[in-house]
Amino acid sequence: MQYINKSDKLCLRDKETNKLVAVYPYSIEGSFNEVEDKVRFWYYQQSCSAENELENYYVDTLTEKELKNLNERI
């Protein structure tokens, strides 16, 4: 994923399983690299063990189905 739309909702996924790990709760602005750094830094701030976990995750957008499920929970 190299292009991010401001309306996209971002998340972290596991590189091996592609499972959703965390949903980034903030709005996005900037280049792909800037946004990716912000998402990773946000996740790192959540816990000390996150630093090691981040090696196994990548930044992605939520799918339509995931967005729908997220909106239903809220």
N, C-alpha and C. Protein backbone atom coordinates (compact mmCIF):
# COMPACT_ATOMS: atom_id res chain seq x y z
N MET A 1 0.85 -1.17 0.00
CA MET A 1 0.00 0.00 0.00
C MET A 1 0.89 1.24 0.00
N GLN A 2 0.87 2.01 -1.04
CA GLN A 2 1.69 3.21 -1.11
C GLN A 2 0.86 4.49 -1.21
N TYR A 3 -0.44 4.36 -1.44
CA TYR A 3 -1.30 5.53 -1.55
C TYR A 3 -2.34 5.49 -0.45
N ILE A 4 -2.48 6.60 0.26
CA ILE A 4 -3.46 6.67 1.33
C ILE A 4 -4.40 7.83 1.07
N ASN A 5 -5.68 7.55 1.13
CA ASN A 5 -6.71 8.56 1.01
C ASN A 5 -7.02 9.08 2.41
N LYS A 6 -7.25 10.37 2.56
CA LYS A 6 -7.52 10.95 3.88
C LYS A 6 -8.73 10.32 4.56
N SER A 7 -9.64 9.76 3.79
CA SER A 7 -10.84 9.16 4.37
C SER A 7 -10.61 7.70 4.79
N ASP A 8 -9.46 7.13 4.44
CA ASP A 8 -9.16 5.75 4.82
C ASP A 8 -9.01 5.63 6.34
N LYS A 9 -9.38 4.48 6.84
CA LYS A 9 -9.15 4.14 8.25
C LYS A 9 -8.00 3.14 8.26
N LEU A 10 -6.95 3.44 9.02
CA LEU A 10 -5.75 2.61 9.00
C LEU A 10 -5.71 1.61 10.14
N CYS A 11 -4.92 0.58 9.91
CA CYS A 11 -4.76 -0.46 10.92
C CYS A 11 -3.38 -1.08 10.79
N LEU A 12 -3.06 -1.91 11.75
CA LEU A 12 -1.87 -2.75 11.68
C LEU A 12 -2.33 -4.18 11.48
N ARG A 13 -1.62 -4.90 10.61
CA ARG A 13 -1.92 -6.31 10.34
C ARG A 13 -0.67 -7.14 10.56
N ASP A 14 -0.89 -8.38 10.89
CA ASP A 14 0.19 -9.35 11.04
C ASP A 14 0.69 -9.73 9.65
N LYS A 15 2.00 -9.72 9.45
CA LYS A 15 2.58 -10.03 8.14
C LYS A 15 2.33 -11.47 7.70
N GLU A 16 2.28 -12.40 8.64
CA GLU A 16 2.11 -13.81 8.29
C GLU A 16 0.65 -14.19 8.07
N THR A 17 -0.22 -13.70 8.94
CA THR A 17 -1.63 -14.13 8.89
C THR A 17 -2.56 -13.10 8.26
N ASN A 18 -2.09 -11.87 8.11
CA ASN A 18 -2.90 -10.74 7.64
C ASN A 18 -4.05 -10.40 8.58
N LYS A 19 -4.00 -10.93 9.79
CA LYS A 19 -5.04 -10.63 10.78
C LYS A 19 -4.90 -9.19 11.26
N LEU A 20 -6.05 -8.60 11.53
CA LEU A 20 -6.11 -7.25 12.07
C LEU A 20 -5.58 -7.26 13.50
N VAL A 21 -4.63 -6.38 13.79
CA VAL A 21 -4.01 -6.32 15.11
C VAL A 21 -4.54 -5.12 15.89
N ALA A 22 -4.58 -3.96 15.24
CA ALA A 22 -5.02 -2.73 15.90
C ALA A 22 -5.55 -1.75 14.86
N VAL A 23 -6.50 -0.93 15.29
CA VAL A 23 -7.06 0.11 14.42
C VAL A 23 -6.54 1.46 14.90
N TYR A 24 -5.94 2.20 13.99
CA TYR A 24 -5.39 3.52 14.31
C TYR A 24 -6.56 4.49 14.49
N PRO A 25 -6.67 5.14 15.66
CA PRO A 25 -7.87 5.93 15.96
C PRO A 25 -7.86 7.38 15.48
N TYR A 26 -6.77 7.83 14.89
CA TYR A 26 -6.65 9.24 14.53
C TYR A 26 -6.80 9.46 13.03
N SER A 27 -7.06 10.73 12.65
CA SER A 27 -7.13 11.06 11.23
C SER A 27 -5.73 11.02 10.65
N ILE A 28 -5.66 10.89 9.33
CA ILE A 28 -4.36 10.74 8.69
C ILE A 28 -4.07 11.91 7.78
N GLU A 29 -2.82 12.34 7.80
CA GLU A 29 -2.36 13.42 6.94
C GLU A 29 -0.88 13.24 6.70
N GLY A 30 -0.45 13.50 5.48
CA GLY A 30 0.96 13.42 5.16
C GLY A 30 1.23 12.35 4.12
N SER A 31 2.50 12.16 3.84
CA SER A 31 2.91 11.15 2.87
C SER A 31 2.74 9.76 3.47
N PHE A 32 2.84 8.74 2.63
CA PHE A 32 2.70 7.37 3.12
C PHE A 32 3.70 7.08 4.22
N ASN A 33 4.95 7.47 4.02
CA ASN A 33 5.99 7.20 5.02
C ASN A 33 5.73 7.92 6.33
N GLU A 34 5.26 9.17 6.25
CA GLU A 34 4.94 9.92 7.47
C GLU A 34 3.80 9.26 8.23
N VAL A 35 2.77 8.86 7.50
CA VAL A 35 1.61 8.23 8.13
C VAL A 35 2.00 6.89 8.73
N GLU A 36 2.78 6.12 8.01
CA GLU A 36 3.23 4.82 8.51
C GLU A 36 4.01 5.00 9.81
N ASP A 37 4.89 5.99 9.86
CA ASP A 37 5.66 6.27 11.08
C ASP A 37 4.74 6.65 12.24
N LYS A 38 3.71 7.46 11.96
CA LYS A 38 2.77 7.88 13.00
C LYS A 38 2.01 6.68 13.57
N VAL A 39 1.56 5.79 12.69
CA VAL A 39 0.81 4.62 13.13
C VAL A 39 1.70 3.72 13.98
N ARG A 40 2.90 3.49 13.52
CA ARG A 40 3.84 2.64 14.27
C ARG A 40 4.20 3.27 15.62
N PHE A 41 4.42 4.57 15.65
CA PHE A 41 4.74 5.25 16.90
C PHE A 41 3.57 5.18 17.87
N TRP A 42 2.35 5.38 17.36
CA TRP A 42 1.15 5.27 18.19
C TRP A 42 1.07 3.88 18.82
N TYR A 43 1.29 2.85 18.03
CA TYR A 43 1.21 1.48 18.56
C TYR A 43 2.32 1.23 19.57
N TYR A 44 3.49 1.73 19.29
CA TYR A 44 4.62 1.58 20.22
C TYR A 44 4.29 2.20 21.58
N GLN A 45 3.59 3.32 21.58
CA GLN A 45 3.22 3.99 22.82
C GLN A 45 2.22 3.18 23.65
N GLN A 46 1.54 2.23 23.05
CA GLN A 46 0.52 1.45 23.75
C GLN A 46 1.12 0.49 24.78
N SER A 47 2.31 -0.03 24.51
CA SER A 47 2.96 -0.93 25.47
C SER A 47 4.44 -1.09 25.14
N CYS A 48 5.19 -1.49 26.13
CA CYS A 48 6.64 -1.68 25.94
C CYS A 48 6.95 -2.84 25.00
N SER A 49 6.15 -3.87 25.02
CA SER A 49 6.40 -5.04 24.17
C SER A 49 6.07 -4.77 22.71
N ALA A 50 5.40 -3.66 22.44
CA ALA A 50 5.00 -3.34 21.08
C ALA A 50 6.20 -3.16 20.15
N GLU A 51 7.32 -2.72 20.68
CA GLU A 51 8.51 -2.51 19.84
C GLU A 51 8.91 -3.80 19.13
N ASN A 52 8.92 -4.90 19.85
CA ASN A 52 9.28 -6.19 19.25
C ASN A 52 8.19 -6.69 18.32
N GLU A 53 6.96 -6.45 18.66
CA GLU A 53 5.83 -6.91 17.85
C GLU A 53 5.77 -6.19 16.50
N LEU A 54 6.16 -4.92 16.48
CA LEU A 54 6.04 -4.12 15.27
C LEU A 54 6.79 -4.71 14.08
N GLU A 55 7.83 -5.47 14.33
CA GLU A 55 8.58 -6.10 13.25
C GLU A 55 7.71 -7.05 12.44
N ASN A 56 6.66 -7.57 13.08
CA ASN A 56 5.79 -8.56 12.44
C ASN A 56 4.52 -7.95 11.86
N TYR A 57 4.38 -6.62 11.93
CA TYR A 57 3.16 -5.96 11.49
C TYR A 57 3.43 -5.00 10.34
N TYR A 58 2.38 -4.73 9.58
CA TYR A 58 2.46 -3.71 8.53
C TYR A 58 1.22 -2.83 8.58
N VAL A 59 1.34 -1.61 8.07
CA VAL A 59 0.24 -0.66 8.05
C VAL A 59 -0.60 -0.92 6.81
N ASP A 60 -1.92 -0.93 7.00
CA ASP A 60 -2.85 -1.20 5.91
C ASP A 60 -4.13 -0.42 6.15
N THR A 61 -5.03 -0.46 5.18
CA THR A 61 -6.35 0.15 5.36
C THR A 61 -7.35 -0.93 5.74
N LEU A 62 -8.39 -0.52 6.45
CA LEU A 62 -9.45 -1.46 6.79
C LEU A 62 -10.27 -1.77 5.55
N THR A 63 -10.75 -2.99 5.46
CA THR A 63 -11.63 -3.37 4.35
C THR A 63 -13.03 -2.82 4.63
N GLU A 64 -13.87 -2.83 3.61
CA GLU A 64 -15.26 -2.37 3.77
C GLU A 64 -15.96 -3.18 4.85
N LYS A 65 -15.75 -4.48 4.85
CA LYS A 65 -16.39 -5.36 5.84
C LYS A 65 -15.91 -5.02 7.25
N GLU A 66 -14.62 -4.79 7.41
CA GLU A 66 -14.08 -4.44 8.72
C GLU A 66 -14.62 -3.09 9.19
N LEU A 67 -14.73 -2.14 8.26
CA LEU A 67 -15.29 -0.84 8.60
C LEU A 67 -16.73 -0.97 9.07
N LYS A 68 -17.50 -1.78 8.36
CA LYS A 68 -18.90 -1.99 8.72
C LYS A 68 -19.00 -2.61 10.11
N ASN A 69 -18.19 -3.63 10.38
CA ASN A 69 -18.19 -4.27 11.69
C ASN A 69 -17.78 -3.29 12.79
N LEU A 70 -16.80 -2.46 12.50
CA LEU A 70 -16.34 -1.47 13.47
C LEU A 70 -17.44 -0.47 13.77
N ASN A 71 -18.12 0.00 12.73
CA ASN A 71 -19.20 0.98 12.91
C ASN A 71 -20.38 0.38 13.67
N GLU A 72 -20.63 -0.90 13.49
CA GLU A 72 -21.73 -1.55 14.20
C GLU A 72 -21.44 -1.67 15.69
N ARG A 73 -20.18 -1.78 16.05
CA ARG A 73 -19.79 -1.90 17.46
C ARG A 73 -19.86 -0.57 18.19
N ILE A 74 -19.73 0.50 17.45
CA ILE A 74 -19.67 1.84 18.08
C ILE A 74 -21.05 2.36 18.38
